[in-house]
Amino acid sequence: MERLELTDIRWFKSSSSDTNGCVEVAFLPDGAVALRDSKNPHRPAHVYTAHEWACFLDGAKRGEFDR
């Protein structure tokens, strides 16, 4: 897979994040979603298709990842 250049996109992080860092999210023009660690923004982001992201959100809302 070709490495995406993610420098010209807008990253979002939760308003409840602290100074220790958190996960940042970016919505890509093709509908995909990128995730990165705000403490290490220079490292490669994880990129998911719109379908993968929708499935993740659905699982989180249904408690699939609860301990």
Protein backbone atom coordinates (compact mmCIF):
# COMPACT_ATOMS: atom_id res chain seq x y z
CA MET A 1 0.00 0.00 0.00
CA GLU A 2 1.27 3.45 -0.87
CA ARG A 3 2.06 5.63 2.14
CA LEU A 4 -0.37 8.53 2.34
CA GLU A 5 0.80 12.08 2.85
CA LEU A 6 -1.31 13.32 5.76
CA THR A 7 0.18 16.75 6.30
CA ASP A 8 -2.62 18.85 4.80
CA ILE A 9 -5.53 17.41 6.73
CA ARG A 10 -7.22 18.61 9.91
CA TRP A 11 -6.66 16.48 13.00
CA PHE A 12 -9.19 16.37 15.86
CA LYS A 13 -8.70 15.28 19.44
CA SER A 14 -11.11 15.00 22.30
CA SER A 15 -11.68 18.09 24.41
CA SER A 16 -11.33 15.78 27.41
CA SER A 17 -7.77 14.78 26.47
CA ASP A 18 -4.98 15.73 28.83
CA THR A 19 -1.40 16.92 28.35
CA ASN A 20 -0.15 13.32 28.28
CA GLY A 21 -1.56 12.90 24.80
CA CYS A 22 -4.35 10.97 23.21
CA VAL A 23 -5.57 9.63 19.90
CA GLU A 24 -6.23 12.15 17.14
CA VAL A 25 -8.65 11.52 14.27
CA ALA A 26 -8.66 12.93 10.73
CA PHE A 27 -11.41 12.48 8.15
CA LEU A 28 -9.88 11.99 4.71
CA PRO A 29 -11.35 13.26 1.43
CA ASP A 30 -12.12 9.73 0.18
CA GLY A 31 -14.17 8.91 3.30
CA ALA A 32 -11.40 7.02 5.08
CA VAL A 33 -10.37 7.86 8.64
CA ALA A 34 -6.82 8.25 9.96
CA LEU A 35 -5.78 7.81 13.61
CA ARG A 36 -2.51 8.86 15.23
CA ASP A 37 -0.93 9.28 18.64
CA SER A 38 -0.80 12.98 19.50
CA LYS A 39 2.46 12.43 21.41
CA ASN A 40 4.08 11.06 18.23
CA PRO A 41 2.42 12.85 15.29
CA HIS A 42 5.47 12.25 13.07
CA ARG A 43 4.92 8.48 13.13
CA PRO A 44 2.71 6.85 10.48
CA ALA A 45 -1.02 7.08 11.07
CA HIS A 46 -3.36 4.10 10.99
CA VAL A 47 -5.83 4.52 8.13
CA TYR A 48 -9.22 2.78 8.01
CA THR A 49 -11.89 2.68 5.33
CA ALA A 50 -15.23 4.37 5.97
CA HIS A 51 -16.79 0.91 6.40
CA GLU A 52 -14.17 -0.21 8.93
CA TRP A 53 -14.65 3.02 10.92
CA ALA A 54 -18.44 2.63 10.90
CA CYS A 55 -18.11 -0.96 12.17
CA PHE A 56 -15.76 0.17 14.94
CA LEU A 57 -18.13 2.95 16.05
CA ASP A 58 -21.08 0.56 15.99
CA GLY A 59 -19.20 -1.95 18.15
CA ALA A 60 -18.14 0.76 20.60
CA LYS A 61 -21.72 2.03 20.92
CA ARG A 62 -22.98 -1.49 21.59
CA GLY A 63 -20.33 -2.08 24.27
CA GLU A 64 -18.41 -4.68 22.26
CA PHE A 65 -15.10 -3.40 23.67
CA ASP A 66 -16.17 -2.96 27.30
CA ARG A 67 -14.17 -4.91 29.83
